[in-house]
């Protein structure tokens, strides 16, 4: 395991949320910065982004968290041109077939070709990078359990989100001791989550619109932890009011 990766994980253990989500998010941020400042003019990098019609929804949102107007214009000029080329190609094909027999059948076939083009487009390159980073950090996490102090630090953390828990169990494969450790930590968090949800339910009422408690943000954190929210630096905008019912 790389020394920096080891200490990055130890640092992430002390912070809120899934440590893998946090580290992967930082890695993707850095990757997007490199695209912005350097690689957007690299022909191969831009081609990979163009044939995938740009970023996926999640990474487009992450891309726009910082002002990147010039790089966005350079990239999406090519994306829009690429899309236009395929649409014009299909439009011409439709007109050529319009006057021939079996028009309805041919129309359905052409439209299906367009759907296949969209469905079969390459995966967002940032998604590929993210998966590589997830595997790197999860592998380092599992390897780190050989160190007793590392294992102890992990057990004091918030543990893994469900996605990274299942990926970690998959990577651990036949190593039952590591798998049991991951499951034991997940059960610890599950028990805390259940206690918190029960406490919150006891303070709620379907008859009151203002039935919020200070626990509301913690409930959000449970959902965030289970889902694996990459936006760990954001806090939920929850307006808490006192429950006026007895």
C-alpha atoms as a PDB file:
ATOM      1  CA  UNK A   1       0.000   0.000   0.000  1.00  0.00           C
ATOM      2  CA  UNK A   2       1.272   3.497  -0.846  1.00  0.00           C
ATOM      3  CA  UNK A   3       2.203   5.460   2.293  1.00  0.00           C
ATOM      4  CA  UNK A   4       0.050   8.458   1.291  1.00  0.00           C
ATOM      5  CA  UNK A   5      -2.958   6.196   0.735  1.00  0.00           C
ATOM      6  CA  UNK A   6      -2.501   4.704   4.206  1.00  0.00           C
ATOM      7  CA  UNK A   7      -2.472   8.105   5.905  1.00  0.00           C
ATOM      8  CA  UNK A   8      -5.261   9.441   3.692  1.00  0.00           C
ATOM      9  CA  UNK A   9      -7.456   6.599   4.959  1.00  0.00           C
ATOM     10  CA  UNK A  10      -6.500   7.242   8.596  1.00  0.00           C
ATOM     11  CA  UNK A  11      -7.420  10.906   8.172  1.00  0.00           C
ATOM     12  CA  UNK A  12     -10.731  10.040   6.501  1.00  0.00           C
ATOM     13  CA  UNK A  13     -11.593   7.680   9.383  1.00  0.00           C
ATOM     14  CA  UNK A  14     -11.749  10.703  11.699  1.00  0.00           C
ATOM     15  CA  UNK A  15     -14.218  12.570   9.482  1.00  0.00           C
ATOM     16  CA  UNK A  16     -17.943  12.181   8.958  1.00  0.00           C
ATOM     17  CA  UNK A  17     -19.327   9.675   6.474  1.00  0.00           C
ATOM     18  CA  UNK A  18     -17.887   6.879   4.363  1.00  0.00           C
ATOM     19  CA  UNK A  19     -14.091   7.314   4.081  1.00  0.00           C
ATOM     20  CA  UNK A  20     -14.006   5.774   0.596  1.00  0.00           C
ATOM     21  CA  UNK A  21     -16.690   8.175  -0.685  1.00  0.00           C
ATOM     22  CA  UNK A  22     -14.714  11.108   0.673  1.00  0.00           C
ATOM     23  CA  UNK A  23     -11.348  10.069  -0.774  1.00  0.00           C
ATOM     24  CA  UNK A  24     -12.800   9.120  -4.154  1.00  0.00           C
ATOM     25  CA  UNK A  25     -14.615  12.446  -4.305  1.00  0.00           C
ATOM     26  CA  UNK A  26     -11.340  14.287  -3.676  1.00  0.00           C
ATOM     27  CA  UNK A  27      -9.611  12.190  -6.355  1.00  0.00           C
ATOM     28  CA  UNK A  28     -12.358  12.968  -8.886  1.00  0.00           C
ATOM     29  CA  UNK A  29     -12.154  16.676  -7.985  1.00  0.00           C
ATOM     30  CA  UNK A  30      -8.438  16.573  -8.717  1.00  0.00           C
ATOM     31  CA  UNK A  31      -9.063  14.691 -11.982  1.00  0.00           C
ATOM     32  CA  UNK A  32     -11.617  17.288 -13.107  1.00  0.00           C
ATOM     33  CA  UNK A  33      -9.164  20.063 -12.252  1.00  0.00           C
ATOM     34  CA  UNK A  34      -6.547  18.394 -14.446  1.00  0.00           C
ATOM     35  CA  UNK A  35      -9.091  18.191 -17.277  1.00  0.00           C
ATOM     36  CA  UNK A  36      -9.846  21.866 -16.863  1.00  0.00           C
ATOM     37  CA  UNK A  37      -6.267  23.125 -16.689  1.00  0.00           C
ATOM     38  CA  UNK A  38      -4.422  20.721 -18.946  1.00  0.00           C
ATOM     39  CA  UNK A  39      -6.055  17.695 -20.555  1.00  0.00           C
ATOM     40  CA  UNK A  40      -9.082  19.339 -22.173  1.00  0.00           C
ATOM     41  CA  UNK A  41      -6.788  20.099 -25.140  1.00  0.00           C
ATOM     42  CA  UNK A  42      -5.508  16.517 -25.286  1.00  0.00           C
ATOM     43  CA  UNK A  43      -7.047  14.947 -28.413  1.00  0.00           C
ATOM     44  CA  UNK A  44      -7.543  11.474 -26.956  1.00  0.00           C
ATOM     45  CA  UNK A  45      -9.011  12.707 -23.667  1.00  0.00           C
ATOM     46  CA  UNK A  46     -11.444  14.978 -25.482  1.00  0.00           C
ATOM     47  CA  UNK A  47     -12.413  12.222 -27.920  1.00  0.00           C
ATOM     48  CA  UNK A  48     -13.269   9.884 -25.023  1.00  0.00           C
ATOM     49  CA  UNK A  49     -15.478  12.568 -23.516  1.00  0.00           C
ATOM     50  CA  UNK A  50     -17.120  13.414 -26.842  1.00  0.00           C
ATOM     51  CA  UNK A  51     -18.115   9.845 -27.767  1.00  0.00           C
ATOM     52  CA  UNK A  52     -19.726   9.479 -24.323  1.00  0.00           C
ATOM     53  CA  UNK A  53     -21.654  12.726 -25.027  1.00  0.00           C
ATOM     54  CA  UNK A  54     -19.770  14.465 -22.231  1.00  0.00           C
ATOM     55  CA  UNK A  55     -20.111  13.773 -18.534  1.00  0.00           C
ATOM     56  CA  UNK A  56     -22.790  11.693 -16.835  1.00  0.00           C
ATOM     57  CA  UNK A  57     -25.322  13.613 -14.741  1.00  0.00           C
ATOM     58  CA  UNK A  58     -23.455  13.249 -11.437  1.00  0.00           C
ATOM     59  CA  UNK A  59     -20.076  14.248 -12.822  1.00  0.00           C
ATOM     60  CA  UNK A  60     -21.545  17.121 -14.843  1.00  0.00           C
ATOM     61  CA  UNK A  61     -22.901  18.443 -11.544  1.00  0.00           C
ATOM     62  CA  UNK A  62     -19.500  18.019  -9.909  1.00  0.00           C
ATOM     63  CA  UNK A  63     -17.801  19.680 -12.901  1.00  0.00           C
ATOM     64  CA  UNK A  64     -19.988  22.786 -12.521  1.00  0.00           C
ATOM     65  CA  UNK A  65     -19.227  23.206  -8.831  1.00  0.00           C
ATOM     66  CA  UNK A  66     -16.310  25.363  -9.996  1.00  0.00           C
ATOM     67  CA  UNK A  67     -16.235  28.011 -12.751  1.00  0.00           C
ATOM     68  CA  UNK A  68     -14.939  26.242 -15.862  1.00  0.00           C
ATOM     69  CA  UNK A  69     -16.500  28.218 -18.693  1.00  0.00           C
ATOM     70  CA  UNK A  70     -13.658  28.047 -21.238  1.00  0.00           C
ATOM     71  CA  UNK A  71     -13.049  24.306 -20.829  1.00  0.00           C
ATOM     72  CA  UNK A  72     -16.807  23.649 -20.946  1.00  0.00           C
ATOM     73  CA  UNK A  73     -17.139  25.584 -24.210  1.00  0.00           C
ATOM     74  CA  UNK A  74     -14.195  23.726 -25.774  1.00  0.00           C
ATOM     75  CA  UNK A  75     -15.534  20.310 -24.756  1.00  0.00           C
ATOM     76  CA  UNK A  76     -19.244  20.775 -25.466  1.00  0.00           C
ATOM     77  CA  UNK A  77     -18.618  22.453 -28.822  1.00  0.00           C
ATOM     78  CA  UNK A  78     -17.348  19.037 -29.926  1.00  0.00           C
ATOM     79  CA  UNK A  79     -20.072  17.127 -28.047  1.00  0.00           C
ATOM     80  CA  UNK A  80     -22.856  19.166 -29.671  1.00  0.00           C
ATOM     81  CA  UNK A  81     -21.217  18.813 -33.106  1.00  0.00           C
ATOM     82  CA  UNK A  82     -20.907  15.034 -32.632  1.00  0.00           C
ATOM     83  CA  UNK A  83     -24.553  14.765 -31.619  1.00  0.00           C
ATOM     84  CA  UNK A  84     -25.614  16.943 -34.561  1.00  0.00           C
ATOM     85  CA  UNK A  85     -23.698  14.743 -36.995  1.00  0.00           C
ATOM     86  CA  UNK A  86     -25.541  11.611 -35.872  1.00  0.00           C
ATOM     87  CA  UNK A  87     -28.933  13.312 -35.828  1.00  0.00           C
ATOM     88  CA  UNK A  88     -28.475  14.696 -39.349  1.00  0.00           C
ATOM     89  CA  UNK A  89     -27.333  11.275 -40.511  1.00  0.00           C
ATOM     90  CA  UNK A  90     -30.493   9.653 -39.135  1.00  0.00           C
ATOM     91  CA  UNK A  91     -32.696  12.435 -40.495  1.00  0.00           C
ATOM     92  CA  UNK A  92     -31.351  11.935 -44.002  1.00  0.00           C
ATOM     93  CA  UNK A  93     -31.816   8.199 -43.653  1.00  0.00           C
ATOM     94  CA  UNK A  94     -35.447   8.737 -42.657  1.00  0.00           C
ATOM     95  CA  UNK A  95     -36.149  10.972 -45.680  1.00  0.00           C
ATOM     96  CA  UNK A  96     -34.575   8.457 -48.041  1.00  0.00           C
ATOM     97  CA  UNK A  97     -36.757   5.676 -46.665  1.00  0.00           C
ATOM     98  CA  UNK A  98     -39.914   7.760 -46.430  1.00  0.00           C
ATOM     99  CA  UNK A  99     -40.940   7.256 -50.041  1.00  0.00           C
ATOM    100  CA  UNK A 100     -40.221   3.534 -50.056  1.00  0.00           C
ATOM    101  CA  UNK A 101     -42.450   0.679 -48.977  1.00  0.00           C
ATOM    102  CA  UNK A 102     -42.541  -0.387 -45.381  1.00  0.00           C
ATOM    103  CA  UNK A 103     -42.162   3.229 -44.190  1.00  0.00           C
ATOM    104  CA  UNK A 104     -43.529   2.609 -40.698  1.00  0.00           C
ATOM    105  CA  UNK A 105     -41.334  -0.420 -40.184  1.00  0.00           C
ATOM    106  CA  UNK A 106     -38.264   1.439 -41.444  1.00  0.00           C
ATOM    107  CA  UNK A 107     -39.091   4.438 -39.253  1.00  0.00           C
ATOM    108  CA  UNK A 108     -39.245   2.250 -36.175  1.00  0.00           C
ATOM    109  CA  UNK A 109     -35.966   0.630 -37.192  1.00  0.00           C
ATOM    110  CA  UNK A 110     -34.230   3.994 -37.633  1.00  0.00           C
ATOM    111  CA  UNK A 111     -35.497   5.313 -34.330  1.00  0.00           C
ATOM    112  CA  UNK A 112     -34.336   2.124 -32.656  1.00  0.00           C
ATOM    113  CA  UNK A 113     -30.872   2.710 -34.138  1.00  0.00           C
ATOM    114  CA  UNK A 114     -30.786   6.130 -32.485  1.00  0.00           C
ATOM    115  CA  UNK A 115     -31.813   4.601 -29.165  1.00  0.00           C
ATOM    116  CA  UNK A 116     -29.076   1.995 -29.516  1.00  0.00           C
ATOM    117  CA  UNK A 117     -26.517   4.723 -30.230  1.00  0.00           C
ATOM    118  CA  UNK A 118     -27.423   6.493 -26.991  1.00  0.00           C
ATOM    119  CA  UNK A 119     -27.610   3.291 -24.918  1.00  0.00           C
ATOM    120  CA  UNK A 120     -24.363   1.873 -26.292  1.00  0.00           C
ATOM    121  CA  UNK A 121     -22.338   5.067 -25.899  1.00  0.00           C
ATOM    122  CA  UNK A 122     -19.144   4.606 -23.894  1.00  0.00           C
ATOM    123  CA  UNK A 123     -19.289   5.129 -20.139  1.00  0.00           C
ATOM    124  CA  UNK A 124     -18.419   8.602 -18.877  1.00  0.00           C
ATOM    125  CA  UNK A 125     -14.575   8.602 -18.617  1.00  0.00           C
ATOM    126  CA  UNK A 126     -14.800  10.171 -15.165  1.00  0.00           C
ATOM    127  CA  UNK A 127     -16.910   7.185 -14.045  1.00  0.00           C
ATOM    128  CA  UNK A 128     -14.119   4.871 -15.220  1.00  0.00           C
ATOM    129  CA  UNK A 129     -11.586   6.897 -13.231  1.00  0.00           C
ATOM    130  CA  UNK A 130     -13.855   6.884 -10.179  1.00  0.00           C
ATOM    131  CA  UNK A 131     -14.191   3.087 -10.254  1.00  0.00           C
ATOM    132  CA  UNK A 132     -10.399   2.720 -10.420  1.00  0.00           C
ATOM    133  CA  UNK A 133     -10.020   4.995  -7.393  1.00  0.00           C
ATOM    134  CA  UNK A 134     -12.692   3.094  -5.466  1.00  0.00           C
ATOM    135  CA  UNK A 135     -10.888  -0.182  -6.083  1.00  0.00           C
ATOM    136  CA  UNK A 136      -7.538   1.354  -5.117  1.00  0.00           C
ATOM    137  CA  UNK A 137      -8.751   2.740  -1.794  1.00  0.00           C
ATOM    138  CA  UNK A 138     -10.829  -0.312  -0.904  1.00  0.00           C
ATOM    139  CA  UNK A 139      -7.888  -2.631  -1.600  1.00  0.00           C
ATOM    140  CA  UNK A 140      -5.674  -0.411   0.553  1.00  0.00           C
ATOM    141  CA  UNK A 141      -8.301  -0.412   3.303  1.00  0.00           C
ATOM    142  CA  UNK A 142      -8.466  -4.206   3.390  1.00  0.00           C
ATOM    143  CA  UNK A 143      -4.692  -4.498   3.326  1.00  0.00           C
ATOM    144  CA  UNK A 144      -4.428  -1.979   6.157  1.00  0.00           C
ATOM    145  CA  UNK A 145      -6.292  -4.296   8.535  1.00  0.00           C
ATOM    146  CA  UNK A 146      -3.019  -6.170   8.958  1.00  0.00           C
ATOM    147  CA  UNK A 147      -2.005  -3.210  11.149  1.00  0.00           C
ATOM    148  CA  UNK A 148      -3.764  -3.333  14.525  1.00  0.00           C
ATOM    149  CA  UNK A 149      -3.756   0.455  14.995  1.00  0.00           C
ATOM    150  CA  UNK A 150      -5.246   0.900  11.496  1.00  0.00           C
ATOM    151  CA  UNK A 151      -8.006  -1.595  12.278  1.00  0.00           C
ATOM    152  CA  UNK A 152      -8.744   0.174  15.557  1.00  0.00           C
ATOM    153  CA  UNK A 153      -8.998   3.537  13.787  1.00  0.00           C
ATOM    154  CA  UNK A 154     -11.416   2.054  11.253  1.00  0.00           C
ATOM    155  CA  UNK A 155     -13.646   0.600  13.966  1.00  0.00           C
ATOM    156  CA  UNK A 156     -13.917   4.098  15.479  1.00  0.00           C
ATOM    157  CA  UNK A 157     -14.929   5.620  12.137  1.00  0.00           C
ATOM    158  CA  UNK A 158     -18.416   5.847  10.616  1.00  0.00           C
ATOM    159  CA  UNK A 159     -17.678   2.778   8.491  1.00  0.00           C
ATOM    160  CA  UNK A 160     -18.450   2.231   4.816  1.00  0.00           C
ATOM    161  CA  UNK A 161     -21.587   3.135   2.911  1.00  0.00           C
ATOM    162  CA  UNK A 162     -23.557   0.185   1.529  1.00  0.00           C
ATOM    163  CA  UNK A 163     -22.046   0.452  -1.946  1.00  0.00           C
ATOM    164  CA  UNK A 164     -18.479   0.344  -0.682  1.00  0.00           C
ATOM    165  CA  UNK A 165     -19.313  -2.267   1.948  1.00  0.00           C
ATOM    166  CA  UNK A 166     -20.535  -4.658  -0.752  1.00  0.00           C
ATOM    167  CA  UNK A 167     -17.593  -3.820  -3.021  1.00  0.00           C
ATOM    168  CA  UNK A 168     -15.229  -4.387  -0.104  1.00  0.00           C
ATOM    169  CA  UNK A 169     -16.785  -7.768   0.663  1.00  0.00           C
ATOM    170  CA  UNK A 170     -16.445  -8.681  -3.009  1.00  0.00           C
ATOM    171  CA  UNK A 171     -12.751  -7.729  -3.057  1.00  0.00           C
ATOM    172  CA  UNK A 172     -12.116  -9.519   0.250  1.00  0.00           C
ATOM    173  CA  UNK A 173     -13.558 -12.665  -1.370  1.00  0.00           C
ATOM    174  CA  UNK A 174     -12.265 -15.687   0.539  1.00  0.00           C
ATOM    175  CA  UNK A 175     -10.613 -13.738   3.352  1.00  0.00           C
ATOM    176  CA  UNK A 176     -13.230 -14.497   5.994  1.00  0.00           C
ATOM    177  CA  UNK A 177     -11.496 -12.572   8.801  1.00  0.00           C
ATOM    178  CA  UNK A 178     -11.530  -9.322   6.823  1.00  0.00           C
ATOM    179  CA  UNK A 179     -15.117  -9.918   5.682  1.00  0.00           C
ATOM    180  CA  UNK A 180     -16.253 -10.534   9.265  1.00  0.00           C
ATOM    181  CA  UNK A 181     -14.520  -7.341  10.389  1.00  0.00           C
ATOM    182  CA  UNK A 182     -16.346  -5.321   7.711  1.00  0.00           C
ATOM    183  CA  UNK A 183     -19.681  -6.892   8.650  1.00  0.00           C
ATOM    184  CA  UNK A 184     -19.134  -6.394  12.395  1.00  0.00           C
ATOM    185  CA  UNK A 185     -18.468  -2.682  11.842  1.00  0.00           C
ATOM    186  CA  UNK A 186     -21.540  -2.398   9.606  1.00  0.00           C
ATOM    187  CA  UNK A 187     -23.656  -4.042  12.332  1.00  0.00           C
ATOM    188  CA  UNK A 188     -22.338  -1.558  14.893  1.00  0.00           C
ATOM    189  CA  UNK A 189     -23.482   1.314  12.681  1.00  0.00           C
ATOM    190  CA  UNK A 190     -26.789  -0.436  11.947  1.00  0.00           C
ATOM    191  CA  UNK A 191     -27.612  -0.645  15.646  1.00  0.00           C
ATOM    192  CA  UNK A 192     -26.826   3.066  16.145  1.00  0.00           C
ATOM    193  CA  UNK A 193     -28.934   3.974  13.126  1.00  0.00           C
ATOM    194  CA  UNK A 194     -31.870   1.915  14.365  1.00  0.00           C
ATOM    195  CA  UNK A 195     -31.766   3.535  17.820  1.00  0.00           C
ATOM    196  CA  UNK A 196     -31.701   6.987  16.227  1.00  0.00           C
ATOM    197  CA  UNK A 197     -34.603   6.251  13.866  1.00  0.00           C
ATOM    198  CA  UNK A 198     -36.721   4.858  16.733  1.00  0.00           C
ATOM    199  CA  UNK A 199     -36.005   7.956  18.858  1.00  0.00           C
ATOM    200  CA  UNK A 200     -36.955  10.224  15.981  1.00  0.00           C
ATOM    201  CA  UNK A 201     -40.158   8.283  15.260  1.00  0.00           C
ATOM    202  CA  UNK A 202     -41.220   8.612  18.892  1.00  0.00           C
ATOM    203  CA  UNK A 203     -40.988  12.398  18.588  1.00  0.00           C
ATOM    204  CA  UNK A 204     -42.981  12.626  15.346  1.00  0.00           C
ATOM    205  CA  UNK A 205     -46.681  12.998  14.645  1.00  0.00           C
ATOM    206  CA  UNK A 206     -48.570  12.721  11.350  1.00  0.00           C
ATOM    207  CA  UNK A 207     -50.946  15.381  12.687  1.00  0.00           C
ATOM    208  CA  UNK A 208     -48.330  18.103  12.848  1.00  0.00           C
ATOM    209  CA  UNK A 209     -46.630  19.740   9.877  1.00  0.00           C
ATOM    210  CA  UNK A 210     -44.021  21.214  12.207  1.00  0.00           C
ATOM    211  CA  UNK A 211     -43.079  17.894  13.759  1.00  0.00           C
ATOM    212  CA  UNK A 212     -39.314  18.287  13.383  1.00  0.00           C
ATOM    213  CA  UNK A 213     -36.643  17.628  15.968  1.00  0.00           C
ATOM    214  CA  UNK A 214     -32.917  18.333  16.169  1.00  0.00           C
ATOM    215  CA  UNK A 215     -32.500  14.678  15.127  1.00  0.00           C
ATOM    216  CA  UNK A 216     -33.696  15.511  11.596  1.00  0.00           C
ATOM    217  CA  UNK A 217     -30.221  16.253  10.257  1.00  0.00           C
ATOM    218  CA  UNK A 218     -28.927  13.035  11.826  1.00  0.00           C
ATOM    219  CA  UNK A 219     -31.611  11.050  10.004  1.00  0.00           C
ATOM    220  CA  UNK A 220     -30.426  12.663   6.786  1.00  0.00           C
ATOM    221  CA  UNK A 221     -26.902  11.528   7.664  1.00  0.00           C
ATOM    222  CA  UNK A 222     -28.144   7.935   7.991  1.00  0.00           C
ATOM    223  CA  UNK A 223     -29.592   8.035   4.471  1.00  0.00           C
ATOM    224  CA  UNK A 224     -26.422   9.705   3.216  1.00  0.00           C
ATOM    225  CA  UNK A 225     -24.282   7.062   4.878  1.00  0.00           C
ATOM    226  CA  UNK A 226     -26.281   4.168   3.435  1.00  0.00           C
ATOM    227  CA  UNK A 227     -26.474   5.635  -0.066  1.00  0.00           C
ATOM    228  CA  UNK A 228     -22.890   6.832  -0.211  1.00  0.00           C
ATOM    229  CA  UNK A 229     -23.233  10.538  -0.943  1.00  0.00           C
ATOM    230  CA  UNK A 230     -20.093  11.965  -2.608  1.00  0.00           C
ATOM    231  CA  UNK A 231     -21.072  15.520  -1.644  1.00  0.00           C
ATOM    232  CA  UNK A 232     -19.869  15.112   1.913  1.00  0.00           C
ATOM    233  CA  UNK A 233     -18.963  18.772   2.239  1.00  0.00           C
ATOM    234  CA  UNK A 234     -22.611  19.777   1.873  1.00  0.00           C
ATOM    235  CA  UNK A 235     -25.016  19.986   4.786  1.00  0.00           C
ATOM    236  CA  UNK A 236     -28.756  19.399   4.388  1.00  0.00           C
ATOM    237  CA  UNK A 237     -30.956  22.485   4.501  1.00  0.00           C
ATOM    238  CA  UNK A 238     -33.385  21.302   7.177  1.00  0.00           C
ATOM    239  CA  UNK A 239     -35.462  23.810   9.110  1.00  0.00           C
ATOM    240  CA  UNK A 240     -36.067  22.381  12.560  1.00  0.00           C
ATOM    241  CA  UNK A 241     -38.990  23.515  14.673  1.00  0.00           C
ATOM    242  CA  UNK A 242     -40.077  22.406  18.077  1.00  0.00           C
ATOM    243  CA  UNK A 243     -42.881  19.885  18.201  1.00  0.00           C
ATOM    244  CA  UNK A 244     -45.729  21.742  19.844  1.00  0.00           C
ATOM    245  CA  UNK A 245     -47.714  18.589  20.569  1.00  0.00           C
ATOM    246  CA  UNK A 246     -47.456  16.915  23.947  1.00  0.00           C
END
